[in-house]
Amino acid sequence: MWIIFVLFYGLMKGGRDIIKKIALKQNTIIEILIVHTGLSLLMVVPTATDAMAIDTSFLGYIALKSLFVFSAWICSFHALTKLPVSIVGILDLSRVIFATLLGVTVLGEIMGIGQYVGLILVCFGLLALKLINSGKNTTNHEDIHTLFVLLALASSILNALSGLMDKILMKDLSSSQLQFWYMLFMFIYYIIFALITKAKVSWSVLKNRWIWILSIMFVLSDRALFIANGSPDSKVTVMTLIKQSCCIVTIVGGKLVFKEKNILKKLACAIVIIVGIMISIMY
């Protein structure tokens, strides 16, 4: 059952990346992040009946997890403003490698031959993707794209850290407890960020129906992921692999919604990366 929950999360995540890019046509990044997080928080309040029963010693860890996600979203939203949604989706595949490295350094797992082969294939796929993206650009545009590729990769690293903490925290917390507190911390972070940067937030952002859709998808997909993390049979490495189903959604969405080019080449890169991931997980 936990595999179905993670697959649901992956497909919804791919859809969320497409919705994010559409929403950015009407509002600024900080407007979307504040309202999206605030709406999501309101949606989970009715189900968070046990939120106040949490052991306060966990709040610091949840605040740290929220900081990872807060930073990841800032990076990913900026990447989406300059990169095609299909490329952002493929770059997110690198998260599985970062999750594997975290397993080695934090949990003491040992990498075998398969993991090293998988790492090489993933790096090859990412390099091919970069060449496809910058092949016809000028030097200045290539520099700009490199910056936003790095932001997308930074988002993957931060999300991998968050995923690791999810698995650890869900050993002692309920899905409703973790979802409520982490969204509350996220909302606070974005408010502080907006105050520091003096960002303007217009009430008209509430008229952007895509933000409402994004919030609903976010709440449902994260609850499914937390439930999966709470299963004693679930494994971080396997869950990370299944999450990459989002890549196919972003590639297809990039073609159908945004009329992006080189879709077949991008799909080929994604296949190489997925094969690398499968080898690293299976062997």
C-alpha atoms as a PDB file:
ATOM      1  CA  MET A   1       0.000   0.000   0.000  1.00  0.00           C
ATOM      2  CA  TRP A   2       2.830   2.451   0.800  1.00  0.00           C
ATOM      3  CA  ILE A   3       4.096   2.103  -2.779  1.00  0.00           C
ATOM      4  CA  ILE A   4       0.719   3.334  -4.073  1.00  0.00           C
ATOM      5  CA  PHE A   5       0.890   6.333  -1.729  1.00  0.00           C
ATOM      6  CA  VAL A   6       4.385   7.246  -2.955  1.00  0.00           C
ATOM      7  CA  LEU A   7       3.373   6.796  -6.607  1.00  0.00           C
ATOM      8  CA  PHE A   8       0.422   9.117  -5.974  1.00  0.00           C
ATOM      9  CA  TYR A   9       2.840  11.642  -4.461  1.00  0.00           C
ATOM     10  CA  GLY A  10       5.166  11.430  -7.471  1.00  0.00           C
ATOM     11  CA  LEU A  11       2.410  11.974 -10.039  1.00  0.00           C
ATOM     12  CA  MET A  12       0.954  14.853  -8.030  1.00  0.00           C
ATOM     13  CA  LYS A  13       4.390  16.432  -7.677  1.00  0.00           C
ATOM     14  CA  GLY A  14       4.835  16.447 -11.442  1.00  0.00           C
ATOM     15  CA  GLY A  15       1.459  18.108 -11.782  1.00  0.00           C
ATOM     16  CA  ARG A  16       2.381  20.660  -9.124  1.00  0.00           C
ATOM     17  CA  ASP A  17       5.484  21.718 -11.065  1.00  0.00           C
ATOM     18  CA  ILE A  18       3.293  22.441 -14.088  1.00  0.00           C
ATOM     19  CA  ILE A  19       0.744  24.359 -11.975  1.00  0.00           C
ATOM     20  CA  LYS A  20       3.556  26.385 -10.359  1.00  0.00           C
ATOM     21  CA  LYS A  21       4.794  27.598 -13.744  1.00  0.00           C
ATOM     22  CA  ILE A  22       1.256  28.562 -14.801  1.00  0.00           C
ATOM     23  CA  ALA A  23       0.639  30.388 -11.510  1.00  0.00           C
ATOM     24  CA  LEU A  24       3.870  32.373 -11.954  1.00  0.00           C
ATOM     25  CA  LYS A  25       2.353  34.092 -15.006  1.00  0.00           C
ATOM     26  CA  GLN A  26      -0.074  35.937 -12.735  1.00  0.00           C
ATOM     27  CA  ASN A  27       1.768  36.489  -9.455  1.00  0.00           C
ATOM     28  CA  THR A  28       5.237  36.814  -7.956  1.00  0.00           C
ATOM     29  CA  ILE A  29       7.127  33.960  -6.320  1.00  0.00           C
ATOM     30  CA  ILE A  30       6.706  35.234  -2.756  1.00  0.00           C
ATOM     31  CA  GLU A  31       2.991  35.935  -3.285  1.00  0.00           C
ATOM     32  CA  ILE A  32       2.420  32.367  -4.430  1.00  0.00           C
ATOM     33  CA  LEU A  33       4.528  30.856  -1.638  1.00  0.00           C
ATOM     34  CA  ILE A  34       2.856  32.797   1.179  1.00  0.00           C
ATOM     35  CA  VAL A  35      -0.725  32.278   0.003  1.00  0.00           C
ATOM     36  CA  HIS A  36      -0.134  28.687  -1.112  1.00  0.00           C
ATOM     37  CA  THR A  37       1.396  27.760   2.268  1.00  0.00           C
ATOM     38  CA  GLY A  38      -1.242  29.678   4.214  1.00  0.00           C
ATOM     39  CA  LEU A  39      -4.115  28.004   2.374  1.00  0.00           C
ATOM     40  CA  SER A  40      -2.484  24.592   2.828  1.00  0.00           C
ATOM     41  CA  LEU A  41      -2.112  25.232   6.556  1.00  0.00           C
ATOM     42  CA  LEU A  42      -5.807  26.130   6.869  1.00  0.00           C
ATOM     43  CA  MET A  43      -6.748  22.944   5.000  1.00  0.00           C
ATOM     44  CA  VAL A  44      -4.878  20.671   7.420  1.00  0.00           C
ATOM     45  CA  VAL A  45      -6.096  22.336  10.647  1.00  0.00           C
ATOM     46  CA  PRO A  46      -9.377  20.321  10.792  1.00  0.00           C
ATOM     47  CA  THR A  47      -7.453  17.026  10.647  1.00  0.00           C
ATOM     48  CA  ALA A  48      -4.725  18.062  13.106  1.00  0.00           C
ATOM     49  CA  THR A  49      -6.662  17.164  16.238  1.00  0.00           C
ATOM     50  CA  ASP A  50      -3.585  15.600  17.851  1.00  0.00           C
ATOM     51  CA  ALA A  51      -1.153  18.353  16.821  1.00  0.00           C
ATOM     52  CA  MET A  52      -0.892  19.822  20.325  1.00  0.00           C
ATOM     53  CA  ALA A  53      -0.152  16.410  21.830  1.00  0.00           C
ATOM     54  CA  ILE A  54       3.258  16.346  20.175  1.00  0.00           C
ATOM     55  CA  ASP A  55       6.380  15.976  22.294  1.00  0.00           C
ATOM     56  CA  THR A  56       7.934  19.466  22.185  1.00  0.00           C
ATOM     57  CA  SER A  57      11.405  17.942  21.736  1.00  0.00           C
ATOM     58  CA  PHE A  58      10.436  17.204  18.112  1.00  0.00           C
ATOM     59  CA  LEU A  59       9.534  20.797  17.249  1.00  0.00           C
ATOM     60  CA  GLY A  60      13.153  21.812  16.654  1.00  0.00           C
ATOM     61  CA  TYR A  61      13.635  18.961  14.196  1.00  0.00           C
ATOM     62  CA  ILE A  62      10.396  19.820  12.396  1.00  0.00           C
ATOM     63  CA  ALA A  63      11.478  23.472  12.232  1.00  0.00           C
ATOM     64  CA  LEU A  64      14.744  22.328  10.599  1.00  0.00           C
ATOM     65  CA  LYS A  65      12.870  20.145   8.106  1.00  0.00           C
ATOM     66  CA  SER A  66      10.619  23.122   7.311  1.00  0.00           C
ATOM     67  CA  LEU A  67      13.687  25.283   6.741  1.00  0.00           C
ATOM     68  CA  PHE A  68      14.969  22.740   4.203  1.00  0.00           C
ATOM     69  CA  VAL A  69      11.651  22.767   2.330  1.00  0.00           C
ATOM     70  CA  PHE A  70      11.343  26.573   2.592  1.00  0.00           C
ATOM     71  CA  SER A  71      14.772  26.978   0.973  1.00  0.00           C
ATOM     72  CA  ALA A  72      14.072  24.250  -1.596  1.00  0.00           C
ATOM     73  CA  TRP A  73      10.902  25.977  -2.747  1.00  0.00           C
ATOM     74  CA  ILE A  74      12.650  29.333  -3.080  1.00  0.00           C
ATOM     75  CA  CYS A  75      15.260  27.662  -5.298  1.00  0.00           C
ATOM     76  CA  SER A  76      12.792  25.622  -7.359  1.00  0.00           C
ATOM     77  CA  PHE A  77      10.441  28.545  -8.006  1.00  0.00           C
ATOM     78  CA  HIS A  78      13.320  30.702  -9.236  1.00  0.00           C
ATOM     79  CA  ALA A  79      14.500  27.818 -11.429  1.00  0.00           C
ATOM     80  CA  LEU A  80      10.998  27.506 -12.904  1.00  0.00           C
ATOM     81  CA  THR A  81      11.033  31.176 -13.935  1.00  0.00           C
ATOM     82  CA  LYS A  82      13.926  30.551 -16.365  1.00  0.00           C
ATOM     83  CA  LEU A  83      13.996  26.821 -17.122  1.00  0.00           C
ATOM     84  CA  PRO A  84      11.456  24.708 -19.040  1.00  0.00           C
ATOM     85  CA  VAL A  85       9.279  22.659 -16.681  1.00  0.00           C
ATOM     86  CA  SER A  86      10.442  19.437 -18.350  1.00  0.00           C
ATOM     87  CA  ILE A  87      14.083  20.208 -17.488  1.00  0.00           C
ATOM     88  CA  VAL A  88      13.237  21.071 -13.876  1.00  0.00           C
ATOM     89  CA  GLY A  89      11.452  17.729 -13.642  1.00  0.00           C
ATOM     90  CA  ILE A  90      14.453  15.829 -14.978  1.00  0.00           C
ATOM     91  CA  LEU A  91      16.923  17.683 -12.755  1.00  0.00           C
ATOM     92  CA  ASP A  92      14.791  16.674  -9.787  1.00  0.00           C
ATOM     93  CA  LEU A  93      15.748  13.086 -10.575  1.00  0.00           C
ATOM     94  CA  SER A  94      19.193  13.817  -9.145  1.00  0.00           C
ATOM     95  CA  ARG A  95      17.526  13.856  -5.730  1.00  0.00           C
ATOM     96  CA  VAL A  96      17.854  10.073  -5.582  1.00  0.00           C
ATOM     97  CA  ILE A  97      21.645  10.314  -5.764  1.00  0.00           C
ATOM     98  CA  PHE A  98      21.711  12.877  -2.974  1.00  0.00           C
ATOM     99  CA  ALA A  99      19.421  10.631  -0.922  1.00  0.00           C
ATOM    100  CA  THR A 100      21.825   7.725  -1.512  1.00  0.00           C
ATOM    101  CA  LEU A 101      24.798   9.822  -0.411  1.00  0.00           C
ATOM    102  CA  LEU A 102      22.897  10.834   2.718  1.00  0.00           C
ATOM    103  CA  GLY A 103      22.262   7.175   3.419  1.00  0.00           C
ATOM    104  CA  VAL A 104      25.998   6.510   3.211  1.00  0.00           C
ATOM    105  CA  THR A 105      27.156   9.485   5.276  1.00  0.00           C
ATOM    106  CA  VAL A 106      24.337   9.702   7.827  1.00  0.00           C
ATOM    107  CA  LEU A 107      23.036   6.151   8.128  1.00  0.00           C
ATOM    108  CA  GLY A 108      26.310   4.353   7.404  1.00  0.00           C
ATOM    109  CA  GLU A 109      25.031   2.464   4.353  1.00  0.00           C
ATOM    110  CA  ILE A 110      27.609   0.974   1.972  1.00  0.00           C
ATOM    111  CA  MET A 111      27.495   1.671  -1.776  1.00  0.00           C
ATOM    112  CA  GLY A 112      28.025  -1.306  -4.058  1.00  0.00           C
ATOM    113  CA  ILE A 113      29.068  -1.550  -7.711  1.00  0.00           C
ATOM    114  CA  GLY A 114      25.473  -0.976  -8.805  1.00  0.00           C
ATOM    115  CA  GLN A 115      25.297   2.336  -6.955  1.00  0.00           C
ATOM    116  CA  TYR A 116      28.474   3.568  -8.612  1.00  0.00           C
ATOM    117  CA  VAL A 117      27.241   2.506 -12.070  1.00  0.00           C
ATOM    118  CA  GLY A 118      23.945   4.244 -11.362  1.00  0.00           C
ATOM    119  CA  LEU A 119      25.757   7.402 -10.266  1.00  0.00           C
ATOM    120  CA  ILE A 120      27.723   7.482 -13.547  1.00  0.00           C
ATOM    121  CA  LEU A 121      24.569   7.044 -15.635  1.00  0.00           C
ATOM    122  CA  VAL A 122      22.723   9.766 -13.754  1.00  0.00           C
ATOM    123  CA  CYS A 123      25.639  12.188 -14.194  1.00  0.00           C
ATOM    124  CA  PHE A 124      25.770  11.324 -17.914  1.00  0.00           C
ATOM    125  CA  GLY A 125      22.031  11.958 -18.278  1.00  0.00           C
ATOM    126  CA  LEU A 126      22.280  15.304 -16.487  1.00  0.00           C
ATOM    127  CA  LEU A 127      25.235  16.369 -18.652  1.00  0.00           C
ATOM    128  CA  ALA A 128      23.333  15.453 -21.829  1.00  0.00           C
ATOM    129  CA  LEU A 129      20.370  17.437 -20.562  1.00  0.00           C
ATOM    130  CA  LYS A 130      22.570  20.496 -19.976  1.00  0.00           C
ATOM    131  CA  LEU A 131      23.947  20.240 -23.529  1.00  0.00           C
ATOM    132  CA  ILE A 132      20.434  20.014 -24.984  1.00  0.00           C
ATOM    133  CA  ASN A 133      19.332  23.053 -23.007  1.00  0.00           C
ATOM    134  CA  SER A 134      22.294  25.331 -23.807  1.00  0.00           C
ATOM    135  CA  GLY A 135      23.292  24.124 -27.249  1.00  0.00           C
ATOM    136  CA  LYS A 136      21.724  27.034 -29.147  1.00  0.00           C
ATOM    137  CA  ASN A 137      22.156  29.745 -26.535  1.00  0.00           C
ATOM    138  CA  THR A 138      24.694  32.517 -26.422  1.00  0.00           C
ATOM    139  CA  THR A 139      27.439  32.530 -23.807  1.00  0.00           C
ATOM    140  CA  ASN A 140      25.507  34.937 -21.569  1.00  0.00           C
ATOM    141  CA  HIS A 141      22.369  32.839 -21.729  1.00  0.00           C
ATOM    142  CA  GLU A 142      24.373  29.724 -20.935  1.00  0.00           C
ATOM    143  CA  ASP A 143      25.725  31.384 -17.792  1.00  0.00           C
ATOM    144  CA  ILE A 144      22.218  32.357 -16.737  1.00  0.00           C
ATOM    145  CA  HIS A 145      20.885  28.875 -17.377  1.00  0.00           C
ATOM    146  CA  THR A 146      23.761  27.338 -15.440  1.00  0.00           C
ATOM    147  CA  LEU A 147      22.800  29.422 -12.407  1.00  0.00           C
ATOM    148  CA  PHE A 148      19.210  28.222 -12.535  1.00  0.00           C
ATOM    149  CA  VAL A 149      20.282  24.624 -13.109  1.00  0.00           C
ATOM    150  CA  LEU A 150      22.326  24.940  -9.912  1.00  0.00           C
ATOM    151  CA  LEU A 151      19.257  26.311  -8.114  1.00  0.00           C
ATOM    152  CA  ALA A 152      17.251  23.284  -9.287  1.00  0.00           C
ATOM    153  CA  LEU A 153      19.999  20.968  -8.046  1.00  0.00           C
ATOM    154  CA  ALA A 154      20.137  22.829  -4.710  1.00  0.00           C
ATOM    155  CA  SER A 155      16.401  22.247  -4.404  1.00  0.00           C
ATOM    156  CA  SER A 156      16.984  18.514  -4.964  1.00  0.00           C
ATOM    157  CA  ILE A 157      19.615  18.372  -2.202  1.00  0.00           C
ATOM    158  CA  LEU A 158      17.374  20.198   0.264  1.00  0.00           C
ATOM    159  CA  ASN A 159      14.408  17.988  -0.613  1.00  0.00           C
ATOM    160  CA  ALA A 160      16.578  14.903  -0.095  1.00  0.00           C
ATOM    161  CA  LEU A 161      17.460  16.180   3.388  1.00  0.00           C
ATOM    162  CA  SER A 162      13.783  16.765   4.085  1.00  0.00           C
ATOM    163  CA  GLY A 163      12.917  13.261   2.899  1.00  0.00           C
ATOM    164  CA  LEU A 164      15.509  11.759   5.214  1.00  0.00           C
ATOM    165  CA  MET A 165      14.040  13.670   8.156  1.00  0.00           C
ATOM    166  CA  ASP A 166      10.523  12.547   7.204  1.00  0.00           C
ATOM    167  CA  LYS A 167      11.496   8.907   7.588  1.00  0.00           C
ATOM    168  CA  ILE A 168      13.176   9.571  10.932  1.00  0.00           C
ATOM    169  CA  LEU A 169      10.380  11.746  12.357  1.00  0.00           C
ATOM    170  CA  MET A 170       7.533   9.468  11.251  1.00  0.00           C
ATOM    171  CA  LYS A 171       8.826   6.780  13.606  1.00  0.00           C
ATOM    172  CA  ASP A 172       7.429   8.818  16.505  1.00  0.00           C
ATOM    173  CA  LEU A 173       4.849  11.196  15.011  1.00  0.00           C
ATOM    174  CA  SER A 174       1.504  10.880  13.247  1.00  0.00           C
ATOM    175  CA  SER A 175       1.112  12.162   9.689  1.00  0.00           C
ATOM    176  CA  SER A 176      -1.312  14.885  10.848  1.00  0.00           C
ATOM    177  CA  GLN A 177       1.103  16.110  13.543  1.00  0.00           C
ATOM    178  CA  LEU A 178       4.051  16.401  11.174  1.00  0.00           C
ATOM    179  CA  GLN A 179       2.006  18.016   8.402  1.00  0.00           C
ATOM    180  CA  PHE A 180       0.471  20.661  10.680  1.00  0.00           C
ATOM    181  CA  TRP A 181       3.665  21.766  12.420  1.00  0.00           C
ATOM    182  CA  TYR A 182       5.850  21.729   9.331  1.00  0.00           C
ATOM    183  CA  MET A 183       3.330  23.831   7.387  1.00  0.00           C
ATOM    184  CA  LEU A 184       3.023  26.249  10.311  1.00  0.00           C
ATOM    185  CA  PHE A 185       6.797  26.719  10.421  1.00  0.00           C
ATOM    186  CA  MET A 186       6.875  27.118   6.649  1.00  0.00           C
ATOM    187  CA  PHE A 187       4.219  29.831   6.750  1.00  0.00           C
ATOM    188  CA  ILE A 188       6.160  31.682   9.469  1.00  0.00           C
ATOM    189  CA  TYR A 189       9.374  31.464   7.443  1.00  0.00           C
ATOM    190  CA  TYR A 190       7.719  32.966   4.350  1.00  0.00           C
ATOM    191  CA  ILE A 191       6.171  35.791   6.367  1.00  0.00           C
ATOM    192  CA  ILE A 192       9.589  36.616   7.855  1.00  0.00           C
ATOM    193  CA  PHE A 193      11.191  36.377   4.396  1.00  0.00           C
ATOM    194  CA  ALA A 194       8.591  38.753   2.945  1.00  0.00           C
ATOM    195  CA  LEU A 195       9.122  41.267   5.774  1.00  0.00           C
ATOM    196  CA  ILE A 196      12.915  41.182   5.405  1.00  0.00           C
ATOM    197  CA  THR A 197      12.826  41.566   1.619  1.00  0.00           C
ATOM    198  CA  LYS A 198       9.917  44.060   1.833  1.00  0.00           C
ATOM    199  CA  ALA A 199       8.049  42.045  -0.754  1.00  0.00           C
ATOM    200  CA  LYS A 200       4.578  43.240  -1.712  1.00  0.00           C
ATOM    201  CA  VAL A 201       1.678  40.805  -1.484  1.00  0.00           C
ATOM    202  CA  SER A 202      -1.558  41.852  -3.165  1.00  0.00           C
ATOM    203  CA  TRP A 203      -4.939  40.507  -2.097  1.00  0.00           C
ATOM    204  CA  SER A 204      -5.593  39.880  -5.785  1.00  0.00           C
ATOM    205  CA  VAL A 205      -3.386  36.780  -5.465  1.00  0.00           C
ATOM    206  CA  LEU A 206      -6.408  35.024  -3.939  1.00  0.00           C
ATOM    207  CA  LYS A 207      -8.108  35.286  -7.337  1.00  0.00           C
ATOM    208  CA  ASN A 208      -5.413  33.092  -8.900  1.00  0.00           C
ATOM    209  CA  ARG A 209      -7.274  29.765  -9.021  1.00  0.00           C
ATOM    210  CA  TRP A 210      -4.040  27.913  -9.795  1.00  0.00           C
ATOM    211  CA  ILE A 211      -2.749  28.655  -6.287  1.00  0.00           C
ATOM    212  CA  TRP A 212      -5.857  27.071  -4.785  1.00  0.00           C
ATOM    213  CA  ILE A 213      -5.385  23.987  -6.964  1.00  0.00           C
ATOM    214  CA  LEU A 214      -1.699  23.895  -6.007  1.00  0.00           C
ATOM    215  CA  SER A 215      -2.575  24.005  -2.300  1.00  0.00           C
ATOM    216  CA  ILE A 216      -5.050  21.126  -2.569  1.00  0.00           C
ATOM    217  CA  MET A 217      -2.554  19.000  -4.510  1.00  0.00           C
ATOM    218  CA  PHE A 218       0.166  19.825  -1.980  1.00  0.00           C
ATOM    219  CA  VAL A 219      -1.904  18.821   1.048  1.00  0.00           C
ATOM    220  CA  LEU A 220      -3.071  15.545  -0.505  1.00  0.00           C
ATOM    221  CA  SER A 221       0.333  14.505  -1.852  1.00  0.00           C
ATOM    222  CA  ASP A 222       2.238  15.336   1.341  1.00  0.00           C
ATOM    223  CA  ARG A 223      -0.271  13.475   3.503  1.00  0.00           C
ATOM    224  CA  ALA A 224       0.155  10.420   1.258  1.00  0.00           C
ATOM    225  CA  LEU A 225       3.939  10.691   1.557  1.00  0.00           C
ATOM    226  CA  PHE A 226       3.862  10.985   5.344  1.00  0.00           C
ATOM    227  CA  ILE A 227       1.615   7.926   5.587  1.00  0.00           C
ATOM    228  CA  ALA A 228       4.081   6.025   3.394  1.00  0.00           C
ATOM    229  CA  ASN A 229       6.985   7.131   5.583  1.00  0.00           C
ATOM    230  CA  GLY A 230       5.094   5.857   8.615  1.00  0.00           C
ATOM    231  CA  SER A 231       5.030   2.329   7.188  1.00  0.00           C
ATOM    232  CA  PRO A 232       7.787   0.153   8.717  1.00  0.00           C
ATOM    233  CA  ASP A 233       8.250  -1.602   5.355  1.00  0.00           C
ATOM    234  CA  SER A 234       8.984   1.562   3.376  1.00  0.00           C
ATOM    235  CA  LYS A 235      12.565   2.438   2.431  1.00  0.00           C
ATOM    236  CA  VAL A 236      13.908   5.909   1.653  1.00  0.00           C
ATOM    237  CA  THR A 237      15.852   4.743  -1.401  1.00  0.00           C
ATOM    238  CA  VAL A 238      12.883   2.932  -2.938  1.00  0.00           C
ATOM    239  CA  MET A 239      10.515   5.803  -2.182  1.00  0.00           C
ATOM    240  CA  THR A 240      12.926   8.246  -3.787  1.00  0.00           C
ATOM    241  CA  LEU A 241      12.938   6.126  -6.952  1.00  0.00           C
ATOM    242  CA  ILE A 242       9.138   5.943  -7.150  1.00  0.00           C
ATOM    243  CA  LYS A 243       8.865   9.708  -6.641  1.00  0.00           C
ATOM    244  CA  GLN A 244      10.673  10.184  -9.938  1.00  0.00           C
ATOM    245  CA  SER A 245       7.447   9.308 -11.758  1.00  0.00           C
ATOM    246  CA  CYS A 246       6.985  13.094 -11.591  1.00  0.00           C
ATOM    247  CA  CYS A 247       9.542  13.423 -14.383  1.00  0.00           C
ATOM    248  CA  ILE A 248       7.264  11.850 -16.985  1.00  0.00           C
ATOM    249  CA  VAL A 249       4.418  14.177 -15.968  1.00  0.00           C
ATOM    250  CA  THR A 250       6.580  17.297 -16.339  1.00  0.00           C
ATOM    251  CA  ILE A 251       7.944  16.208 -19.712  1.00  0.00           C
ATOM    252  CA  VAL A 252       4.490  15.454 -21.128  1.00  0.00           C
ATOM    253  CA  GLY A 253       3.083  18.608 -19.509  1.00  0.00           C
ATOM    254  CA  GLY A 254       5.948  20.652 -20.940  1.00  0.00           C
ATOM    255  CA  LYS A 255       4.974  19.522 -24.425  1.00  0.00           C
ATOM    256  CA  LEU A 256       1.177  19.760 -24.096  1.00  0.00           C
ATOM    257  CA  VAL A 257       0.886  22.904 -21.957  1.00  0.00           C
ATOM    258  CA  PHE A 258       3.980  24.966 -22.766  1.00  0.00           C
ATOM    259  CA  LYS A 259       4.802  23.596 -26.257  1.00  0.00           C
ATOM    260  CA  GLU A 260       8.397  22.950 -25.210  1.00  0.00           C
ATOM    261  CA  LYS A 261      10.864  21.641 -27.790  1.00  0.00           C
ATOM    262  CA  ASN A 262      13.320  18.722 -27.808  1.00  0.00           C
ATOM    263  CA  ILE A 263      10.887  16.660 -25.731  1.00  0.00           C
ATOM    264  CA  LEU A 264      12.056  13.350 -27.221  1.00  0.00           C
ATOM    265  CA  LYS A 265      15.685  14.184 -26.416  1.00  0.00           C
ATOM    266  CA  LYS A 266      14.732  15.200 -22.872  1.00  0.00           C
ATOM    267  CA  LEU A 267      12.753  11.984 -22.503  1.00  0.00           C
ATOM    268  CA  ALA A 268      15.821  10.031 -23.622  1.00  0.00           C
ATOM    269  CA  CYS A 269      17.879  11.794 -20.929  1.00  0.00           C
ATOM    270  CA  ALA A 270      15.211  10.943 -18.371  1.00  0.00           C
ATOM    271  CA  ILE A 271      15.303   7.281 -19.418  1.00  0.00           C
ATOM    272  CA  VAL A 272      19.093   7.169 -18.974  1.00  0.00           C
ATOM    273  CA  ILE A 273      18.759   8.714 -15.527  1.00  0.00           C
ATOM    274  CA  ILE A 274      15.932   6.373 -14.528  1.00  0.00           C
ATOM    275  CA  VAL A 275      17.934   3.338 -15.691  1.00  0.00           C
ATOM    276  CA  GLY A 276      20.844   4.562 -13.571  1.00  0.00           C
ATOM    277  CA  ILE A 277      18.535   4.983 -10.594  1.00  0.00           C
ATOM    278  CA  MET A 278      17.051   1.509 -11.048  1.00  0.00           C
ATOM    279  CA  ILE A 279      20.499  -0.072 -11.252  1.00  0.00           C
ATOM    280  CA  SER A 280      21.634   1.748  -8.120  1.00  0.00           C
ATOM    281  CA  ILE A 281      18.543   0.578  -6.222  1.00  0.00           C
ATOM    282  CA  MET A 282      18.424  -3.029  -7.480  1.00  0.00           C
ATOM    283  CA  TYR A 283      22.092  -3.936  -7.160  1.00  0.00           C
END
